[in-house]
Amino acid sequence: MTNPGEELTGDSIYDANTFTILSLVAPYCEKVERVFCVPDREEELQKALCSQHDVIVTSGGVSVGERDLVVDVAESCGWQRVFHKVRIKPGKPVYFAVRDKQALFGLPGNPLSAAVTCSVFMIPALKKMAGFTDYRLRSKPATMAPDAIRSSRRKLIWPGFIKEEAGRTVARFSPKKSSASLTALLGTDGLIIQDTMDAGPGDVSVEAIPWSHILTL
């Protein structure tokens, strides 16, 4: 992993997720300890997952690949699974577990997936842990612009644009369609939720969650 701004060498990639997650969660935490990159080895993961932090966040390693070890190692360390895999796009592999009063969020490795699951699962949980009474996500009904409707077998939770047009709220997804594309967030107004469906003619009702509703203090 290479820090943003440094030169990439060999087959290295930029560490986007650390900085994205830190920027999203820092306002709701008294103290954040940053651990860079843990190798995909059981011994190294055990050390990280056996720490006594109130909340532990991982990114990557929660899918079904040969090196996706986080779930198995976590549960060998005493973490109790609450859920693993949710029918959403992006972010299906997201994992959540508890151990005594600790919480573990296993976010997906793709940058957009990590940002979306952090926003819809982790931030509300941190708000509740911090004593906020209004911690749930608050959405408002919107109509998807006809040129922006997408077919999906999973519920779409995608960044997009939310505008008031002719007396109604109209939503459009960011044109970026890859869960690896963090730039899908650029210039967007919030997250748009479209239920599982086959795209067809006519108006499609969706839910829109402005960033101001997600990132409020």
N, C-alpha and C. Protein backbone atom coordinates (compact mmCIF):
# COMPACT_ATOMS: atom_id res chain seq x y z
N MET A 1 0.84 -1.20 0.00
CA MET A 1 0.00 0.00 0.00
C MET A 1 0.88 1.25 0.00
N THR A 2 0.47 2.24 -0.79
CA THR A 2 1.23 3.48 -0.89
C THR A 2 0.35 4.64 -0.48
N ASN A 3 0.89 5.56 0.31
CA ASN A 3 0.14 6.75 0.72
C ASN A 3 -0.17 7.62 -0.48
N PRO A 4 -1.34 8.24 -0.52
CA PRO A 4 -1.62 9.22 -1.59
C PRO A 4 -0.54 10.29 -1.63
N GLY A 5 -0.11 10.63 -2.84
CA GLY A 5 0.93 11.64 -3.00
C GLY A 5 2.31 11.06 -3.18
N GLU A 6 2.50 9.80 -2.76
CA GLU A 6 3.78 9.15 -2.96
C GLU A 6 3.79 8.41 -4.30
N GLU A 7 4.96 8.11 -4.78
CA GLU A 7 5.09 7.46 -6.09
C GLU A 7 4.78 5.97 -5.98
N LEU A 8 3.95 5.47 -6.89
CA LEU A 8 3.66 4.04 -6.94
C LEU A 8 4.86 3.29 -7.49
N THR A 9 5.15 2.15 -6.89
CA THR A 9 6.24 1.31 -7.38
C THR A 9 5.75 -0.12 -7.53
N GLY A 10 6.28 -0.81 -8.52
CA GLY A 10 5.92 -2.21 -8.72
C GLY A 10 4.43 -2.39 -8.90
N ASP A 11 3.86 -3.33 -8.13
CA ASP A 11 2.42 -3.61 -8.24
C ASP A 11 1.65 -2.99 -7.07
N SER A 12 2.20 -1.97 -6.43
CA SER A 12 1.54 -1.33 -5.29
C SER A 12 0.34 -0.51 -5.75
N ILE A 13 -0.57 -0.24 -4.82
CA ILE A 13 -1.74 0.59 -5.09
C ILE A 13 -1.85 1.63 -3.98
N TYR A 14 -2.58 2.69 -4.26
CA TYR A 14 -2.77 3.73 -3.25
C TYR A 14 -3.73 3.25 -2.15
N ASP A 15 -3.42 3.63 -0.94
CA ASP A 15 -4.27 3.31 0.20
C ASP A 15 -5.36 4.38 0.31
N ALA A 16 -6.44 4.17 -0.42
CA ALA A 16 -7.55 5.14 -0.38
C ALA A 16 -8.45 4.89 0.83
N ASN A 17 -8.63 3.63 1.20
CA ASN A 17 -9.63 3.31 2.22
C ASN A 17 -9.30 3.84 3.60
N THR A 18 -8.02 3.79 3.98
CA THR A 18 -7.65 4.29 5.31
C THR A 18 -8.09 5.73 5.47
N PHE A 19 -7.79 6.55 4.49
CA PHE A 19 -8.07 7.98 4.60
C PHE A 19 -9.57 8.27 4.44
N THR A 20 -10.25 7.50 3.60
CA THR A 20 -11.69 7.69 3.45
C THR A 20 -12.42 7.36 4.75
N ILE A 21 -12.09 6.20 5.32
CA ILE A 21 -12.77 5.77 6.55
C ILE A 21 -12.44 6.70 7.71
N LEU A 22 -11.17 7.08 7.83
CA LEU A 22 -10.79 7.99 8.91
C LEU A 22 -11.56 9.30 8.82
N SER A 23 -11.68 9.85 7.63
CA SER A 23 -12.38 11.13 7.48
C SER A 23 -13.86 11.01 7.81
N LEU A 24 -14.45 9.85 7.55
CA LEU A 24 -15.87 9.66 7.82
C LEU A 24 -16.17 9.45 9.30
N VAL A 25 -15.30 8.71 9.99
CA VAL A 25 -15.63 8.31 11.37
C VAL A 25 -15.01 9.21 12.44
N ALA A 26 -13.97 9.96 12.11
CA ALA A 26 -13.26 10.74 13.12
C ALA A 26 -14.16 11.67 13.94
N PRO A 27 -15.18 12.32 13.34
CA PRO A 27 -16.01 13.23 14.14
C PRO A 27 -16.78 12.53 15.27
N TYR A 28 -16.93 11.21 15.19
CA TYR A 28 -17.75 10.49 16.17
C TYR A 28 -16.90 9.69 17.16
N CYS A 29 -15.59 9.87 17.11
CA CYS A 29 -14.69 9.09 17.96
C CYS A 29 -13.85 10.03 18.81
N GLU A 30 -13.66 9.67 20.06
CA GLU A 30 -12.80 10.46 20.93
C GLU A 30 -11.35 10.33 20.52
N LYS A 31 -10.96 9.13 20.11
CA LYS A 31 -9.59 8.87 19.71
C LYS A 31 -9.59 7.80 18.63
N VAL A 32 -8.80 8.02 17.60
CA VAL A 32 -8.68 7.04 16.51
C VAL A 32 -7.23 6.61 16.39
N GLU A 33 -6.98 5.32 16.45
CA GLU A 33 -5.64 4.79 16.26
C GLU A 33 -5.56 4.15 14.89
N ARG A 34 -4.67 4.64 14.10
CA ARG A 34 -4.56 4.17 12.71
C ARG A 34 -3.51 3.08 12.60
N VAL A 35 -3.93 1.93 12.06
CA VAL A 35 -3.01 0.84 11.76
C VAL A 35 -3.01 0.68 10.25
N PHE A 36 -1.83 0.70 9.66
CA PHE A 36 -1.78 0.74 8.21
C PHE A 36 -2.26 -0.55 7.56
N CYS A 37 -1.37 -1.43 7.23
CA CYS A 37 -1.70 -2.60 6.43
C CYS A 37 -1.31 -3.86 7.19
N VAL A 38 -2.26 -4.75 7.39
CA VAL A 38 -2.00 -6.03 8.05
C VAL A 38 -1.93 -7.11 6.98
N PRO A 39 -0.86 -7.89 6.94
CA PRO A 39 -0.74 -8.94 5.92
C PRO A 39 -1.87 -9.97 6.03
N ASP A 40 -2.15 -10.64 4.92
CA ASP A 40 -3.18 -11.67 4.92
C ASP A 40 -2.63 -12.96 5.52
N ARG A 41 -2.27 -12.89 6.78
CA ARG A 41 -1.77 -14.06 7.52
C ARG A 41 -2.47 -14.13 8.85
N GLU A 42 -2.84 -15.34 9.26
CA GLU A 42 -3.65 -15.50 10.46
C GLU A 42 -3.00 -14.90 11.69
N GLU A 43 -1.71 -15.10 11.86
CA GLU A 43 -1.04 -14.61 13.07
C GLU A 43 -1.12 -13.09 13.18
N GLU A 44 -0.89 -12.41 12.05
CA GLU A 44 -0.92 -10.96 12.05
C GLU A 44 -2.34 -10.43 12.30
N LEU A 45 -3.31 -11.08 11.68
CA LEU A 45 -4.70 -10.67 11.86
C LEU A 45 -5.15 -10.89 13.30
N GLN A 46 -4.73 -12.00 13.90
CA GLN A 46 -5.12 -12.27 15.29
C GLN A 46 -4.65 -11.16 16.22
N LYS A 47 -3.43 -10.68 16.01
CA LYS A 47 -2.91 -9.61 16.85
C LYS A 47 -3.79 -8.36 16.73
N ALA A 48 -4.19 -8.05 15.51
CA ALA A 48 -5.00 -6.86 15.28
C ALA A 48 -6.41 -7.02 15.84
N LEU A 49 -6.99 -8.22 15.66
CA LEU A 49 -8.39 -8.43 16.02
C LEU A 49 -8.57 -8.77 17.49
N CYS A 50 -7.49 -9.03 18.19
CA CYS A 50 -7.57 -9.32 19.62
C CYS A 50 -7.30 -8.08 20.47
N SER A 51 -7.18 -6.92 19.85
CA SER A 51 -6.95 -5.70 20.61
C SER A 51 -8.19 -5.34 21.41
N GLN A 52 -8.05 -4.42 22.35
CA GLN A 52 -9.14 -4.06 23.26
C GLN A 52 -9.79 -2.72 22.91
N HIS A 53 -9.67 -2.28 21.69
CA HIS A 53 -10.33 -1.04 21.27
C HIS A 53 -11.86 -1.20 21.35
N ASP A 54 -12.55 -0.10 21.57
CA ASP A 54 -14.02 -0.16 21.59
C ASP A 54 -14.57 -0.59 20.25
N VAL A 55 -13.99 -0.06 19.17
CA VAL A 55 -14.43 -0.39 17.81
C VAL A 55 -13.20 -0.70 16.97
N ILE A 56 -13.27 -1.79 16.23
CA ILE A 56 -12.20 -2.15 15.30
C ILE A 56 -12.80 -2.15 13.90
N VAL A 57 -12.09 -1.57 12.96
CA VAL A 57 -12.55 -1.50 11.57
C VAL A 57 -11.50 -2.12 10.67
N THR A 58 -11.93 -3.03 9.82
CA THR A 58 -11.04 -3.58 8.81
C THR A 58 -11.62 -3.25 7.44
N SER A 59 -10.77 -3.26 6.45
CA SER A 59 -11.22 -3.06 5.07
C SER A 59 -10.57 -4.10 4.19
N GLY A 60 -11.40 -4.91 3.55
CA GLY A 60 -10.88 -6.02 2.76
C GLY A 60 -10.84 -7.30 3.58
N GLY A 61 -10.72 -8.43 2.89
CA GLY A 61 -10.58 -9.71 3.58
C GLY A 61 -11.86 -10.32 4.08
N VAL A 62 -13.04 -9.81 3.63
CA VAL A 62 -14.31 -10.33 4.14
C VAL A 62 -15.13 -11.03 3.06
N SER A 63 -14.56 -11.23 1.88
CA SER A 63 -15.30 -11.86 0.80
C SER A 63 -15.02 -13.37 0.82
N VAL A 64 -14.91 -14.00 -0.34
CA VAL A 64 -14.79 -15.47 -0.39
C VAL A 64 -13.49 -15.93 -1.03
N GLY A 65 -12.52 -15.04 -1.17
CA GLY A 65 -11.25 -15.42 -1.78
C GLY A 65 -10.39 -16.23 -0.83
N GLU A 66 -9.36 -16.81 -1.40
CA GLU A 66 -8.44 -17.65 -0.62
C GLU A 66 -7.79 -16.88 0.52
N ARG A 67 -7.56 -15.59 0.32
CA ARG A 67 -6.90 -14.78 1.35
C ARG A 67 -7.87 -13.92 2.16
N ASP A 68 -9.15 -14.15 1.98
CA ASP A 68 -10.15 -13.40 2.76
C ASP A 68 -10.34 -14.11 4.10
N LEU A 69 -9.50 -13.73 5.06
CA LEU A 69 -9.40 -14.45 6.32
C LEU A 69 -10.06 -13.76 7.51
N VAL A 70 -10.54 -12.55 7.33
CA VAL A 70 -10.98 -11.75 8.47
C VAL A 70 -12.08 -12.43 9.26
N VAL A 71 -13.10 -12.95 8.61
CA VAL A 71 -14.25 -13.53 9.31
C VAL A 71 -13.83 -14.73 10.15
N ASP A 72 -13.11 -15.67 9.55
CA ASP A 72 -12.71 -16.87 10.28
C ASP A 72 -11.77 -16.53 11.44
N VAL A 73 -10.82 -15.65 11.19
CA VAL A 73 -9.86 -15.30 12.25
C VAL A 73 -10.58 -14.54 13.37
N ALA A 74 -11.48 -13.64 13.02
CA ALA A 74 -12.21 -12.88 14.03
C ALA A 74 -12.98 -13.83 14.95
N GLU A 75 -13.65 -14.80 14.35
CA GLU A 75 -14.47 -15.69 15.17
C GLU A 75 -13.63 -16.66 15.97
N SER A 76 -12.40 -16.91 15.52
CA SER A 76 -11.48 -17.71 16.34
C SER A 76 -10.96 -16.90 17.52
N CYS A 77 -11.10 -15.57 17.44
CA CYS A 77 -10.67 -14.69 18.52
C CYS A 77 -11.83 -14.33 19.46
N GLY A 78 -12.97 -14.98 19.28
CA GLY A 78 -14.09 -14.76 20.19
C GLY A 78 -15.14 -13.78 19.73
N TRP A 79 -14.99 -13.25 18.52
CA TRP A 79 -16.02 -12.35 18.00
C TRP A 79 -17.25 -13.15 17.61
N GLN A 80 -18.43 -12.61 17.90
CA GLN A 80 -19.69 -13.27 17.57
C GLN A 80 -20.35 -12.54 16.40
N ARG A 81 -20.59 -13.29 15.35
CA ARG A 81 -21.14 -12.71 14.13
C ARG A 81 -22.57 -12.21 14.35
N VAL A 82 -22.82 -10.99 13.92
CA VAL A 82 -24.18 -10.46 13.88
C VAL A 82 -24.73 -10.62 12.47
N PHE A 83 -23.94 -10.23 11.48
CA PHE A 83 -24.30 -10.52 10.09
C PHE A 83 -23.05 -10.51 9.23
N HIS A 84 -23.13 -11.22 8.11
CA HIS A 84 -22.08 -11.24 7.10
C HIS A 84 -22.75 -11.40 5.76
N LYS A 85 -22.58 -10.45 4.89
CA LYS A 85 -23.14 -10.36 3.55
C LYS A 85 -24.57 -9.84 3.60
N VAL A 86 -24.79 -8.77 2.89
CA VAL A 86 -26.08 -8.09 2.82
C VAL A 86 -26.41 -7.89 1.34
N ARG A 87 -27.68 -8.04 0.99
CA ARG A 87 -28.07 -7.94 -0.43
C ARG A 87 -28.15 -6.48 -0.87
N ILE A 88 -26.97 -5.86 -0.92
CA ILE A 88 -26.86 -4.49 -1.40
C ILE A 88 -25.73 -4.41 -2.41
N LYS A 89 -25.74 -3.34 -3.17
CA LYS A 89 -24.68 -3.08 -4.13
C LYS A 89 -24.40 -1.57 -4.12
N PRO A 90 -23.15 -1.19 -3.85
CA PRO A 90 -21.99 -2.03 -3.55
C PRO A 90 -21.95 -2.40 -2.06
N GLY A 91 -21.07 -3.34 -1.72
CA GLY A 91 -20.84 -3.63 -0.31
C GLY A 91 -21.38 -4.94 0.21
N LYS A 92 -21.75 -5.86 -0.67
CA LYS A 92 -22.36 -7.13 -0.24
C LYS A 92 -21.57 -7.86 0.85
N PRO A 93 -20.24 -7.93 0.83
CA PRO A 93 -19.53 -8.76 1.82
C PRO A 93 -19.44 -8.18 3.23
N VAL A 94 -20.02 -7.01 3.49
CA VAL A 94 -19.84 -6.34 4.78
C VAL A 94 -20.12 -7.29 5.95
N TYR A 95 -19.33 -7.14 7.00
CA TYR A 95 -19.37 -8.05 8.16
C TYR A 95 -19.45 -7.22 9.43
N PHE A 96 -20.26 -7.69 10.39
CA PHE A 96 -20.35 -7.02 11.68
C PHE A 96 -20.38 -8.07 12.79
N ALA A 97 -19.58 -7.85 13.82
CA ALA A 97 -19.50 -8.80 14.94
C ALA A 97 -19.31 -8.03 16.24
N VAL A 98 -19.61 -8.70 17.35
CA VAL A 98 -19.45 -8.09 18.66
C VAL A 98 -18.68 -9.06 19.57
N ARG A 99 -18.04 -8.47 20.57
CA ARG A 99 -17.34 -9.26 21.60
C ARG A 99 -17.40 -8.46 22.88
N ASP A 100 -18.19 -8.96 23.87
CA ASP A 100 -18.48 -8.18 25.07
C ASP A 100 -19.03 -6.81 24.64
N LYS A 101 -18.36 -5.72 24.97
CA LYS A 101 -18.85 -4.39 24.60
C LYS A 101 -18.11 -3.81 23.39
N GLN A 102 -17.34 -4.66 22.72
CA GLN A 102 -16.61 -4.21 21.54
C GLN A 102 -17.41 -4.46 20.26
N ALA A 103 -17.12 -3.68 19.22
CA ALA A 103 -17.76 -3.84 17.92
C ALA A 103 -16.69 -3.96 16.84
N LEU A 104 -16.93 -4.84 15.90
CA LEU A 104 -16.02 -5.04 14.76
C LEU A 104 -16.79 -4.85 13.47
N PHE A 105 -16.31 -3.91 12.65
CA PHE A 105 -16.88 -3.69 11.33
C PHE A 105 -15.87 -4.17 10.29
N GLY A 106 -16.25 -5.19 9.53
CA GLY A 106 -15.42 -5.66 8.44
C GLY A 106 -15.96 -5.11 7.13
N LEU A 107 -15.37 -4.02 6.66
CA LEU A 107 -15.84 -3.37 5.44
C LEU A 107 -15.19 -4.00 4.22
N PRO A 108 -15.86 -3.98 3.07
CA PRO A 108 -15.26 -4.51 1.85
C PRO A 108 -14.01 -3.74 1.45
N GLY A 109 -13.23 -4.32 0.56
CA GLY A 109 -11.98 -3.71 0.16
C GLY A 109 -12.10 -2.71 -0.97
N ASN A 110 -13.10 -2.86 -1.84
CA ASN A 110 -13.25 -1.89 -2.92
C ASN A 110 -13.58 -0.51 -2.34
N PRO A 111 -12.92 0.54 -2.80
CA PRO A 111 -13.05 1.85 -2.17
C PRO A 111 -14.48 2.38 -2.07
N LEU A 112 -15.26 2.30 -3.13
CA LEU A 112 -16.63 2.80 -3.05
C LEU A 112 -17.46 1.94 -2.10
N SER A 113 -17.26 0.63 -2.14
CA SER A 113 -17.98 -0.27 -1.22
C SER A 113 -17.66 0.07 0.22
N ALA A 114 -16.39 0.35 0.51
CA ALA A 114 -16.00 0.70 1.87
C ALA A 114 -16.66 2.00 2.31
N ALA A 115 -16.69 3.00 1.43
CA ALA A 115 -17.27 4.29 1.77
C ALA A 115 -18.77 4.18 2.02
N VAL A 116 -19.47 3.42 1.16
CA VAL A 116 -20.92 3.29 1.29
C VAL A 116 -21.28 2.51 2.55
N THR A 117 -20.63 1.38 2.80
CA THR A 117 -20.97 0.59 3.99
C THR A 117 -20.58 1.32 5.27
N CYS A 118 -19.51 2.07 5.23
CA CYS A 118 -19.14 2.89 6.38
C CYS A 118 -20.24 3.91 6.66
N SER A 119 -20.80 4.50 5.61
CA SER A 119 -21.81 5.53 5.76
C SER A 119 -23.14 4.98 6.29
N VAL A 120 -23.56 3.82 5.78
CA VAL A 120 -24.91 3.34 6.12
C VAL A 120 -24.94 2.39 7.32
N PHE A 121 -23.83 1.74 7.63
CA PHE A 121 -23.80 0.84 8.77
C PHE A 121 -23.01 1.40 9.95
N MET A 122 -21.83 1.89 9.67
CA MET A 122 -20.92 2.23 10.76
C MET A 122 -21.22 3.58 11.40
N ILE A 123 -21.46 4.60 10.59
CA ILE A 123 -21.68 5.93 11.16
C ILE A 123 -22.92 5.95 12.07
N PRO A 124 -24.07 5.38 11.66
CA PRO A 124 -25.20 5.35 12.60
C PRO A 124 -24.87 4.62 13.90
N ALA A 125 -24.10 3.53 13.81
CA ALA A 125 -23.73 2.79 15.01
C ALA A 125 -22.84 3.62 15.92
N LEU A 126 -21.88 4.32 15.33
CA LEU A 126 -21.00 5.18 16.13
C LEU A 126 -21.78 6.31 16.79
N LYS A 127 -22.73 6.87 16.06
CA LYS A 127 -23.56 7.93 16.64
C LYS A 127 -24.32 7.41 17.85
N LYS A 128 -24.88 6.22 17.73
CA LYS A 128 -25.63 5.64 18.86
C LYS A 128 -24.70 5.38 20.03
N MET A 129 -23.51 4.83 19.75
CA MET A 129 -22.55 4.56 20.81
C MET A 129 -22.09 5.85 21.49
N ALA A 130 -22.08 6.94 20.73
CA ALA A 130 -21.64 8.23 21.27
C ALA A 130 -22.76 8.97 22.01
N GLY A 131 -23.97 8.39 22.01
CA GLY A 131 -25.06 8.99 22.76
C GLY A 131 -26.00 9.86 21.96
N PHE A 132 -25.86 9.87 20.63
CA PHE A 132 -26.79 10.63 19.81
C PHE A 132 -28.18 9.99 19.89
N THR A 133 -29.22 10.80 20.03
CA THR A 133 -30.57 10.25 20.00
C THR A 133 -31.09 10.12 18.57
N ASP A 134 -30.62 11.01 17.70
CA ASP A 134 -31.03 10.98 16.29
C ASP A 134 -29.89 10.37 15.47
N TYR A 135 -29.77 9.06 15.55
CA TYR A 135 -28.64 8.39 14.90
C TYR A 135 -29.03 7.64 13.63
N ARG A 136 -30.30 7.42 13.43
CA ARG A 136 -30.72 6.64 12.25
C ARG A 136 -30.62 7.48 10.98
N LEU A 137 -30.39 6.79 9.86
CA LEU A 137 -30.37 7.48 8.57
C LEU A 137 -31.76 8.00 8.24
N ARG A 138 -31.83 9.22 7.77
CA ARG A 138 -33.12 9.83 7.42
C ARG A 138 -33.15 10.07 5.91
N SER A 139 -34.03 9.37 5.26
CA SER A 139 -34.14 9.51 3.80
C SER A 139 -35.41 10.26 3.45
N LYS A 140 -35.48 10.69 2.19
CA LYS A 140 -36.70 11.32 1.70
C LYS A 140 -37.05 10.72 0.35
N PRO A 141 -38.34 10.60 0.03
CA PRO A 141 -38.73 9.99 -1.24
C PRO A 141 -38.30 10.86 -2.42
N ALA A 142 -37.93 10.19 -3.49
CA ALA A 142 -37.52 10.89 -4.71
C ALA A 142 -37.91 10.04 -5.91
N THR A 143 -37.87 10.67 -7.05
CA THR A 143 -38.13 9.98 -8.31
C THR A 143 -36.84 9.88 -9.09
N MET A 144 -36.53 8.68 -9.56
CA MET A 144 -35.30 8.50 -10.34
C MET A 144 -35.49 9.08 -11.74
N ALA A 145 -34.53 9.88 -12.16
CA ALA A 145 -34.56 10.41 -13.53
C ALA A 145 -34.59 9.23 -14.51
N PRO A 146 -35.43 9.29 -15.54
CA PRO A 146 -35.57 8.15 -16.46
C PRO A 146 -34.26 7.68 -17.07
N ASP A 147 -33.33 8.61 -17.30
CA ASP A 147 -32.07 8.22 -17.93
C ASP A 147 -31.06 7.66 -16.94
N ALA A 148 -31.45 7.57 -15.65
CA ALA A 148 -30.52 7.12 -14.63
C ALA A 148 -30.90 5.78 -14.00
N ILE A 149 -32.04 5.21 -14.39
CA ILE A 149 -32.50 3.96 -13.79
C ILE A 149 -31.55 2.82 -14.17
N ARG A 150 -31.27 1.97 -13.21
CA ARG A 150 -30.42 0.80 -13.45
C ARG A 150 -31.11 -0.47 -12.99
N SER A 151 -30.86 -1.55 -13.68
CA SER A 151 -31.33 -2.86 -13.24
C SER A 151 -30.36 -3.43 -12.22
N SER A 152 -30.90 -4.12 -11.23
CA SER A 152 -30.03 -4.72 -10.23
C SER A 152 -30.77 -5.84 -9.50
N ARG A 153 -30.05 -6.91 -9.20
CA ARG A 153 -30.63 -7.99 -8.40
C ARG A 153 -30.49 -7.73 -6.91
N ARG A 154 -29.74 -6.69 -6.57
CA ARG A 154 -29.60 -6.30 -5.17
C ARG A 154 -30.03 -4.84 -5.00
N LYS A 155 -30.35 -4.49 -3.79
CA LYS A 155 -30.70 -3.10 -3.52
C LYS A 155 -29.48 -2.22 -3.81
N LEU A 156 -29.68 -1.21 -4.62
CA LEU A 156 -28.60 -0.28 -4.95
C LEU A 156 -28.54 0.83 -3.90
N ILE A 157 -27.36 1.06 -3.36
CA ILE A 157 -27.12 2.21 -2.50
C ILE A 157 -25.91 2.92 -3.11
N TRP A 158 -26.20 3.89 -3.95
CA TRP A 158 -25.15 4.45 -4.81
C TRP A 158 -25.11 5.97 -4.63
N PRO A 159 -23.93 6.57 -4.67
CA PRO A 159 -23.87 8.03 -4.62
C PRO A 159 -24.51 8.65 -5.85
N GLY A 160 -25.05 9.84 -5.65
CA GLY A 160 -25.69 10.47 -6.80
C GLY A 160 -26.07 11.92 -6.52
N PHE A 161 -26.90 12.42 -7.40
CA PHE A 161 -27.28 13.84 -7.39
C PHE A 161 -28.75 13.95 -7.03
N ILE A 162 -29.07 14.87 -6.14
CA ILE A 162 -30.43 15.04 -5.63
C ILE A 162 -30.85 16.49 -5.88
N LYS A 163 -31.83 16.66 -6.74
CA LYS A 163 -32.23 18.02 -7.13
C LYS A 163 -33.74 18.18 -7.00
N GLU A 164 -34.15 19.42 -6.76
CA GLU A 164 -35.57 19.76 -6.77
C GLU A 164 -35.92 20.28 -8.17
N GLU A 165 -36.82 19.58 -8.84
CA GLU A 165 -37.19 19.96 -10.20
C GLU A 165 -38.72 19.93 -10.33
N ALA A 166 -39.29 21.07 -10.68
CA ALA A 166 -40.73 21.18 -10.92
C ALA A 166 -41.53 20.65 -9.73
N GLY A 167 -41.09 20.99 -8.53
CA GLY A 167 -41.86 20.64 -7.35
C GLY A 167 -41.67 19.23 -6.84
N ARG A 168 -40.72 18.51 -7.36
CA ARG A 168 -40.47 17.16 -6.85
C ARG A 168 -38.97 16.92 -6.75
N THR A 169 -38.60 15.95 -5.93
CA THR A 169 -37.20 15.59 -5.75
C THR A 169 -36.81 14.55 -6.79
N VAL A 170 -35.80 14.88 -7.58
CA VAL A 170 -35.35 14.00 -8.66
C VAL A 170 -33.93 13.54 -8.36
N ALA A 171 -33.68 12.24 -8.51
CA ALA A 171 -32.37 11.66 -8.19
C ALA A 171 -31.74 11.07 -9.45
N ARG A 172 -30.43 11.18 -9.49
CA ARG A 172 -29.65 10.57 -10.57
C ARG A 172 -28.41 9.92 -9.96
N PHE A 173 -28.14 8.69 -10.34
CA PHE A 173 -26.92 8.04 -9.86
C PHE A 173 -25.69 8.70 -10.47
N SER A 174 -24.58 8.66 -9.74
CA SER A 174 -23.29 9.01 -10.34
C SER A 174 -23.06 8.11 -11.53
N PRO A 175 -22.52 8.63 -12.64
CA PRO A 175 -22.33 7.80 -13.83
C PRO A 175 -21.28 6.71 -13.65
N LYS A 176 -20.42 6.81 -12.65
CA LYS A 176 -19.43 5.76 -12.40
C LYS A 176 -20.15 4.51 -11.92
N LYS A 177 -19.81 3.35 -12.51
CA LYS A 177 -20.55 2.13 -12.20
C LYS A 177 -19.71 1.04 -11.53
N SER A 178 -18.48 1.37 -11.15
CA SER A 178 -17.61 0.37 -10.53
C SER A 178 -17.51 0.60 -9.03
N SER A 179 -17.61 -0.48 -8.25
CA SER A 179 -17.46 -0.36 -6.80
C SER A 179 -16.02 -0.07 -6.41
N ALA A 180 -15.11 -0.13 -7.37
CA ALA A 180 -13.72 0.22 -7.12
C ALA A 180 -13.45 1.70 -7.37
N SER A 181 -14.45 2.42 -7.86
CA SER A 181 -14.25 3.81 -8.29
C SER A 181 -14.67 4.77 -7.18
N LEU A 182 -13.71 5.22 -6.39
CA LEU A 182 -13.99 6.18 -5.33
C LEU A 182 -14.42 7.52 -5.92
N THR A 183 -14.02 7.80 -7.15
CA THR A 183 -14.40 9.07 -7.79
C THR A 183 -15.90 9.15 -8.05
N ALA A 184 -16.63 8.05 -7.87
CA ALA A 184 -18.09 8.11 -7.99
C ALA A 184 -18.70 9.05 -6.96
N LEU A 185 -17.94 9.35 -5.91
CA LEU A 185 -18.44 10.25 -4.87
C LEU A 185 -18.32 11.73 -5.24
N LEU A 186 -17.47 12.04 -6.20
CA LEU A 186 -17.15 13.44 -6.51
C LEU A 186 -18.40 14.23 -6.91
N GLY A 187 -18.61 15.34 -6.22
CA GLY A 187 -19.69 16.24 -6.58
C GLY A 187 -21.08 15.76 -6.24
N THR A 188 -21.21 14.61 -5.59
CA THR A 188 -22.54 14.07 -5.33
C THR A 188 -23.19 14.76 -4.13
N ASP A 189 -24.52 14.62 -4.05
CA ASP A 189 -25.29 15.24 -2.98
C ASP A 189 -25.63 14.28 -1.85
N GLY A 190 -25.44 12.98 -2.09
CA GLY A 190 -25.78 12.00 -1.07
C GLY A 190 -25.86 10.61 -1.67
N LEU A 191 -26.54 9.72 -0.94
CA LEU A 191 -26.73 8.35 -1.39
C LEU A 191 -28.17 8.15 -1.85
N ILE A 192 -28.33 7.36 -2.90
CA ILE A 192 -29.65 7.06 -3.45
C ILE A 192 -29.90 5.57 -3.31
N ILE A 193 -31.07 5.21 -2.79
CA ILE A 193 -31.41 3.80 -2.56
C ILE A 193 -32.50 3.40 -3.53
N GLN A 194 -32.18 2.43 -4.37
CA GLN A 194 -33.16 1.89 -5.33
C GLN A 194 -33.34 0.42 -5.01
N ASP A 195 -34.58 0.00 -4.76
CA ASP A 195 -34.84 -1.40 -4.45
C ASP A 195 -34.53 -2.29 -5.63
N THR A 196 -34.34 -3.58 -5.33
CA THR A 196 -34.08 -4.57 -6.37
C THR A 196 -35.17 -4.50 -7.42
N MET A 197 -34.78 -4.46 -8.69
CA MET A 197 -35.78 -4.34 -9.75
C MET A 197 -35.14 -4.54 -11.11
N ASP A 198 -35.96 -4.83 -12.07
CA ASP A 198 -35.55 -4.77 -13.47
C ASP A 198 -36.00 -3.42 -14.01
N ALA A 199 -35.08 -2.68 -14.55
CA ALA A 199 -35.42 -1.35 -15.05
C ALA A 199 -36.47 -1.44 -16.14
N GLY A 200 -37.43 -0.55 -16.07
CA GLY A 200 -38.48 -0.54 -17.07
C GLY A 200 -38.98 0.86 -17.29
N PRO A 201 -40.01 1.04 -18.12
CA PRO A 201 -40.54 2.37 -18.39
C PRO A 201 -41.30 2.92 -17.19
N GLY A 202 -41.50 4.24 -17.18
CA GLY A 202 -42.27 4.87 -16.12
C GLY A 202 -41.40 5.36 -14.98
N ASP A 203 -42.05 6.08 -14.06
CA ASP A 203 -41.34 6.63 -12.91
C ASP A 203 -40.92 5.52 -11.96
N VAL A 204 -39.75 5.67 -11.37
CA VAL A 204 -39.24 4.74 -10.37
C VAL A 204 -39.03 5.50 -9.07
N SER A 205 -39.67 5.06 -8.00
CA SER A 205 -39.52 5.72 -6.70
C SER A 205 -38.28 5.20 -6.00
N VAL A 206 -37.52 6.10 -5.44
CA VAL A 206 -36.30 5.75 -4.71
C VAL A 206 -36.29 6.55 -3.41
N GLU A 207 -35.28 6.28 -2.57
CA GLU A 207 -35.06 7.05 -1.36
C GLU A 207 -33.73 7.79 -1.51
N ALA A 208 -33.70 9.04 -1.11
CA ALA A 208 -32.49 9.85 -1.20
C ALA A 208 -32.05 10.25 0.20
N ILE A 209 -30.75 10.08 0.48
CA ILE A 209 -30.20 10.47 1.78
C ILE A 209 -29.09 11.49 1.53
N PRO A 210 -29.36 12.76 1.74
CA PRO A 210 -28.30 13.78 1.55
C PRO A 210 -27.14 13.54 2.49
N TRP A 211 -25.95 13.91 2.04
CA TRP A 211 -24.76 13.77 2.90
C TRP A 211 -24.95 14.53 4.22
N SER A 212 -25.69 15.62 4.19
CA SER A 212 -25.89 16.39 5.42
C SER A 212 -26.67 15.60 6.47
N HIS A 213 -27.48 14.60 6.05
CA HIS A 213 -28.21 13.76 6.98
C HIS A 213 -27.32 12.64 7.52
N ILE A 214 -26.31 12.27 6.76
CA ILE A 214 -25.42 11.18 7.17
C ILE A 214 -24.32 11.71 8.07
N LEU A 215 -23.77 12.87 7.74
CA LEU A 215 -22.56 13.35 8.39
C LEU A 215 -22.81 14.44 9.42
N THR A 216 -24.06 14.55 9.89
CA THR A 216 -24.36 15.57 10.89
C THR A 216 -23.76 15.21 12.24
N LEU A 217 -23.45 16.23 13.02
CA LEU A 217 -22.98 16.07 14.40
C LEU A 217 -24.10 16.46 15.36
